[in-house]
Amino acid sequence: MTSANSSKPVVDFPNGEPPTVLDIVDVTIGEGAEAVPGGTVRVHYVGVEFDSGEEFDSSWNRGESIEFPLRGLIKGWQDGIPGMKVGGRRQLVIPPELAYGPKGGRHRLSGKTLIFVIDLLDARW
């Protein structure tokens, strides 16, 4: 995966079995404000499916970052972003239970382990 926070990351296809717990890897440690549980963040991100490596979403492709309160996101983001500092890039590998639930759910990503690479642009309470 690339680590230059000014460009869209390239997510390497993973090897092995998907994790059964949230896997958090800091690619770049930021030096700005820290994201807190329940806070609001502005991010750029890319999301790919663990099994296929297929990209399913990217703010980079839309040409603009996105801002939202952490409370409204999937559990993997709620648990995986706090502690991250502005200017940082973090990879989250999220099992289905912390994403869109088990296979057969109503979301097209139900039952899938997801990989997100997130650049934190702003964080506030």
Protein backbone atom coordinates (compact mmCIF):
# COMPACT_ATOMS: atom_id res chain seq x y z
CA MET A 1 0.00 0.00 0.00
CA THR A 2 1.24 3.52 -0.69
CA SER A 3 1.87 5.76 2.27
CA ALA A 4 1.87 9.25 0.74
CA ASN A 5 -1.18 10.88 2.33
CA SER A 6 -1.61 13.30 -0.57
CA SER A 7 -2.59 10.53 -2.97
CA LYS A 8 -5.05 7.67 -3.10
CA PRO A 9 -3.62 4.59 -1.40
CA VAL A 10 -3.17 1.35 -3.28
CA VAL A 11 -4.25 -1.58 -1.13
CA ASP A 12 -2.15 -4.71 -1.58
CA PHE A 13 -4.10 -7.95 -1.97
CA PRO A 14 -3.89 -9.72 1.41
CA ASN A 15 -2.51 -13.21 1.99
CA GLY A 16 -4.01 -15.85 4.26
CA GLU A 17 -7.25 -16.06 6.11
CA PRO A 18 -9.23 -12.95 7.04
CA PRO A 19 -8.91 -11.85 10.67
CA THR A 20 -11.75 -12.58 13.07
CA VAL A 21 -11.11 -9.40 15.08
CA LEU A 22 -10.54 -5.79 14.05
CA ASP A 23 -7.00 -5.40 12.70
CA ILE A 24 -5.55 -1.87 12.98
CA VAL A 25 -2.27 -0.82 11.34
CA ASP A 26 -0.96 2.74 11.38
CA VAL A 27 0.71 3.37 8.04
CA THR A 28 1.55 6.99 8.92
CA ILE A 29 1.29 8.49 12.40
CA GLY A 30 -0.31 11.93 12.36
CA GLU A 31 0.70 14.85 14.55
CA GLY A 32 -2.57 16.78 14.71
CA ALA A 33 -5.74 16.57 16.77
CA GLU A 34 -6.79 13.11 17.92
CA ALA A 35 -10.04 11.46 16.90
CA VAL A 36 -12.16 10.54 19.92
CA PRO A 37 -15.05 8.08 20.34
CA GLY A 38 -18.29 9.81 19.35
CA GLY A 39 -16.43 12.70 17.71
CA THR A 40 -16.71 14.01 14.17
CA VAL A 41 -14.05 13.28 11.55
CA ARG A 42 -13.24 14.36 8.01
CA VAL A 43 -11.48 11.66 6.01
CA HIS A 44 -10.39 10.40 2.63
CA TYR A 45 -10.68 6.63 2.34
CA VAL A 46 -10.66 3.65 0.03
CA GLY A 47 -12.46 0.37 0.75
CA VAL A 48 -11.76 -3.04 -0.78
CA GLU A 49 -13.10 -6.55 -0.21
CA PHE A 50 -10.61 -8.82 1.59
CA ASP A 51 -11.42 -11.92 -0.49
CA SER A 52 -11.32 -10.41 -3.97
CA GLY A 53 -9.31 -7.21 -3.53
CA GLU A 54 -12.11 -5.45 -5.42
CA GLU A 55 -12.56 -1.78 -4.58
CA PHE A 56 -16.15 -1.05 -3.55
CA ASP A 57 -15.90 2.59 -2.45
CA SER A 58 -13.49 5.51 -2.43
CA SER A 59 -13.82 9.16 -1.50
CA TRP A 60 -10.74 9.72 -3.68
CA ASN A 61 -12.74 8.65 -6.76
CA ARG A 62 -15.42 11.23 -5.94
CA GLY A 63 -12.75 13.93 -5.68
CA GLU A 64 -13.71 15.10 -2.21
CA SER A 65 -13.29 14.07 1.39
CA ILE A 66 -16.26 13.25 3.60
CA GLU A 67 -17.18 14.40 7.11
CA PHE A 68 -19.38 12.52 9.56
CA PRO A 69 -19.91 11.69 13.24
CA LEU A 70 -18.32 8.38 14.23
CA ARG A 71 -21.53 7.28 15.99
CA GLY A 72 -23.29 6.74 12.66
CA LEU A 73 -20.67 4.45 11.13
CA ILE A 74 -20.03 0.72 11.11
CA LYS A 75 -18.60 -0.60 14.38
CA GLY A 76 -15.19 -1.24 12.79
CA TRP A 77 -14.83 2.49 12.07
CA GLN A 78 -16.23 3.48 15.48
CA ASP A 79 -13.59 1.29 17.15
CA GLY A 80 -10.78 1.74 14.63
CA ILE A 81 -10.57 5.51 14.13
CA PRO A 82 -10.41 6.85 17.73
CA GLY A 83 -6.82 7.43 18.77
CA MET A 84 -5.81 8.30 15.22
CA LYS A 85 -4.30 11.77 14.77
CA VAL A 86 -4.89 14.25 11.95
CA GLY A 87 -2.32 13.72 9.23
CA GLY A 88 -2.28 9.97 9.83
CA ARG A 89 -3.12 7.09 7.54
CA ARG A 90 -4.54 3.91 9.06
CA GLN A 91 -5.55 0.56 7.61
CA LEU A 92 -8.50 -1.25 9.14
CA VAL A 93 -9.31 -4.88 8.32
CA ILE A 94 -12.86 -5.35 9.54
CA PRO A 95 -14.58 -8.73 9.97
CA PRO A 96 -18.27 -8.96 8.94
CA GLU A 97 -19.54 -8.73 12.54
CA LEU A 98 -18.03 -5.23 12.82
CA ALA A 99 -19.02 -4.19 9.29
CA TYR A 100 -22.35 -5.08 7.65
CA GLY A 101 -23.16 -8.29 9.51
CA PRO A 102 -23.32 -11.93 8.49
CA LYS A 103 -23.85 -13.26 4.99
CA GLY A 104 -27.46 -13.03 3.92
CA GLY A 105 -28.01 -9.57 5.37
CA ARG A 106 -29.64 -6.76 3.46
CA HIS A 107 -26.43 -4.91 2.59
CA ARG A 108 -24.46 -5.95 -0.50
CA LEU A 109 -21.34 -6.21 1.68
CA SER A 110 -22.95 -8.42 4.34
CA GLY A 111 -20.76 -11.40 5.19
CA LYS A 112 -17.60 -9.79 3.82
CA THR A 113 -14.36 -8.86 5.54
CA LEU A 114 -13.47 -5.33 4.46
CA ILE A 115 -10.22 -3.39 4.23
CA PHE A 116 -10.26 0.38 4.55
CA VAL A 117 -7.32 2.74 4.28
CA ILE A 118 -8.27 6.01 5.93
CA ASP A 119 -6.51 9.39 5.89
CA LEU A 120 -7.64 11.55 8.82
CA LEU A 121 -7.95 15.17 7.66
CA ASP A 122 -9.77 16.70 10.65
CA ALA A 123 -11.09 15.57 14.03
CA ARG A 124 -13.22 17.39 16.58
CA TRP A 125 -15.60 16.69 19.38
